[in-house]
Amino acid sequence: MRILLDTHSFLWFIAGSDSLSTQARDLIADLGNEVLLSTGSLWELAIKVSIGKIELSRPFGEIIPEQLSENEITVLPIELSHLTMLTELPFHHRDPFDRLIIAQGIVEGLPVITRDIMFRNYPVDILW
């Protein structure tokens, strides 16, 4: 199964947080699944780390590449088709990073692992 992670799902997974559901954790950890993380999520994390909104246990440039490699998580690039879909989405959700993840999920036909209930307002499958 191919799955796309919302930013918080990735963070909670690498931190071992209890905030992540058991089903979500199992899906991410299953190496039989192709787990993807949007370039938009990495951009969001970089911004939030730089302004002090998120604190990582080690520098961004160390922990993120290590966790992507260790957990066999593939970075999903932002394609023109994703941005085109983004322009067509209704504004049920205002967060630009979440809107990008939703658009990528729709275009790529990927379910998204997220706790964000606003994703349900869009034609994307949610796993939690």
Protein backbone atom coordinates (compact mmCIF):
# COMPACT_ATOMS: atom_id res chain seq x y z
CA MET A 1 0.00 0.00 0.00
CA ARG A 2 1.21 3.52 -0.82
CA ILE A 3 0.47 6.10 1.87
CA LEU A 4 1.16 9.79 2.36
CA LEU A 5 1.98 11.20 5.77
CA ASP A 6 0.66 14.46 7.14
CA THR A 7 3.45 16.43 8.79
CA HIS A 8 2.30 15.75 12.36
CA SER A 9 2.09 12.01 11.65
CA PHE A 10 5.72 11.98 10.54
CA LEU A 11 6.83 13.98 13.59
CA TRP A 12 4.88 11.81 16.02
CA PHE A 13 6.20 8.64 14.38
CA ILE A 14 9.87 9.62 14.59
CA ALA A 15 9.38 10.87 18.16
CA GLY A 16 7.60 7.67 19.26
CA SER A 17 4.68 9.80 20.45
CA ASP A 18 1.53 8.25 21.90
CA SER A 19 -0.40 10.90 19.95
CA LEU A 20 -0.07 8.68 16.88
CA SER A 21 -2.73 5.98 16.66
CA THR A 22 -1.66 2.34 16.78
CA GLN A 23 -3.03 1.75 13.28
CA ALA A 24 -1.12 4.74 11.90
CA ARG A 25 2.10 3.64 13.61
CA ASP A 26 1.74 0.10 12.26
CA LEU A 27 1.08 1.33 8.71
CA ILE A 28 4.14 3.58 8.76
CA ALA A 29 6.38 0.93 10.32
CA ASP A 30 5.30 -1.79 7.86
CA LEU A 31 8.18 -1.91 5.37
CA GLY A 32 5.79 -3.59 2.93
CA ASN A 33 4.10 -0.21 2.54
CA GLU A 34 5.49 2.61 0.44
CA VAL A 35 5.43 5.56 2.82
CA LEU A 36 5.72 9.03 1.33
CA LEU A 37 6.33 12.45 2.86
CA SER A 38 5.65 15.60 0.88
CA THR A 39 8.40 18.07 0.13
CA GLY A 40 5.82 20.52 1.51
CA SER A 41 6.00 18.79 4.90
CA LEU A 42 9.77 19.15 4.92
CA TRP A 43 9.40 22.83 4.04
CA GLU A 44 6.83 23.28 6.82
CA LEU A 45 9.13 21.58 9.32
CA ALA A 46 12.12 23.68 8.27
CA ILE A 47 10.11 26.88 8.72
CA LYS A 48 8.72 25.84 12.11
CA VAL A 49 12.14 24.75 13.36
CA SER A 50 13.71 28.02 12.22
CA ILE A 51 11.12 30.15 14.05
CA GLY A 52 11.24 27.99 17.18
CA LYS A 53 7.71 26.60 16.88
CA ILE A 54 9.04 23.03 16.71
CA GLU A 55 12.06 21.74 18.56
CA LEU A 56 13.79 18.60 17.32
CA SER A 57 16.06 16.39 19.41
CA ARG A 58 18.92 17.03 16.96
CA PRO A 59 19.57 19.48 14.12
CA PHE A 60 17.10 19.33 11.22
CA GLY A 61 19.88 18.47 8.72
CA GLU A 62 20.84 15.41 10.77
CA ILE A 63 17.63 13.95 12.12
CA ILE A 64 15.37 14.34 9.08
CA PRO A 65 17.60 12.59 6.51
CA GLU A 66 18.42 9.89 9.07
CA GLN A 67 14.76 9.22 9.88
CA LEU A 68 13.73 9.21 6.21
CA SER A 69 16.44 6.65 5.45
CA GLU A 70 15.97 4.52 8.58
CA ASN A 71 12.23 4.27 8.07
CA GLU A 72 12.37 3.95 4.28
CA ILE A 73 10.21 7.04 3.80
CA THR A 74 10.32 8.49 0.29
CA VAL A 75 10.06 12.23 -0.31
CA LEU A 76 7.20 13.06 -2.68
CA PRO A 77 8.20 16.02 -4.84
CA ILE A 78 5.76 18.82 -5.59
CA GLU A 79 4.62 18.43 -9.20
CA LEU A 80 2.76 20.86 -11.43
CA SER A 81 -0.27 18.52 -11.34
CA HIS A 82 -0.35 18.84 -7.54
CA LEU A 83 -0.28 22.62 -7.74
CA THR A 84 -2.98 22.60 -10.40
CA MET A 85 -5.21 20.52 -8.10
CA LEU A 86 -4.40 22.91 -5.24
CA THR A 87 -5.84 25.81 -7.26
CA GLU A 88 -9.10 23.88 -7.63
CA LEU A 89 -9.62 22.94 -3.98
CA PRO A 90 -12.36 24.67 -2.00
CA PHE A 91 -11.15 26.51 1.10
CA HIS A 92 -12.47 24.14 3.76
CA HIS A 93 -8.92 24.06 5.09
CA ARG A 94 -6.83 27.23 5.19
CA ASP A 95 -3.39 25.80 6.05
CA PRO A 96 -1.30 25.97 2.86
CA PHE A 97 0.82 22.94 3.74
CA ASP A 98 -2.20 20.77 4.52
CA ARG A 99 -3.88 21.93 1.32
CA LEU A 100 -0.80 20.82 -0.63
CA ILE A 101 -0.82 17.40 1.08
CA ILE A 102 -4.52 17.04 0.26
CA ALA A 103 -3.89 17.95 -3.38
CA GLN A 104 -1.03 15.45 -3.60
CA GLY A 105 -3.20 12.75 -2.05
CA ILE A 106 -5.96 13.39 -4.57
CA VAL A 107 -3.70 13.52 -7.64
CA GLU A 108 -1.60 10.51 -6.63
CA GLY A 109 -4.57 8.51 -5.33
CA LEU A 110 -2.89 8.18 -1.94
CA PRO A 111 -4.59 7.78 1.41
CA VAL A 112 -3.26 10.26 3.96
CA ILE A 113 -2.32 9.38 7.53
CA THR A 114 -3.67 12.32 9.49
CA ARG A 115 -5.63 13.15 12.61
CA ASP A 116 -6.81 16.41 11.03
CA ILE A 117 -10.59 16.08 10.61
CA MET A 118 -10.66 18.92 8.06
CA PHE A 119 -9.13 16.52 5.50
CA ARG A 120 -12.49 14.73 5.47
CA ASN A 121 -13.99 17.67 3.57
CA TYR A 122 -12.00 16.64 0.51
CA PRO A 123 -12.08 13.56 -1.77
CA VAL A 124 -9.03 11.96 -0.18
CA ASP A 125 -8.97 8.76 1.89
CA ILE A 126 -7.94 9.21 5.51
CA LEU A 127 -6.17 6.59 7.61
CA TRP A 128 -5.87 6.90 11.35
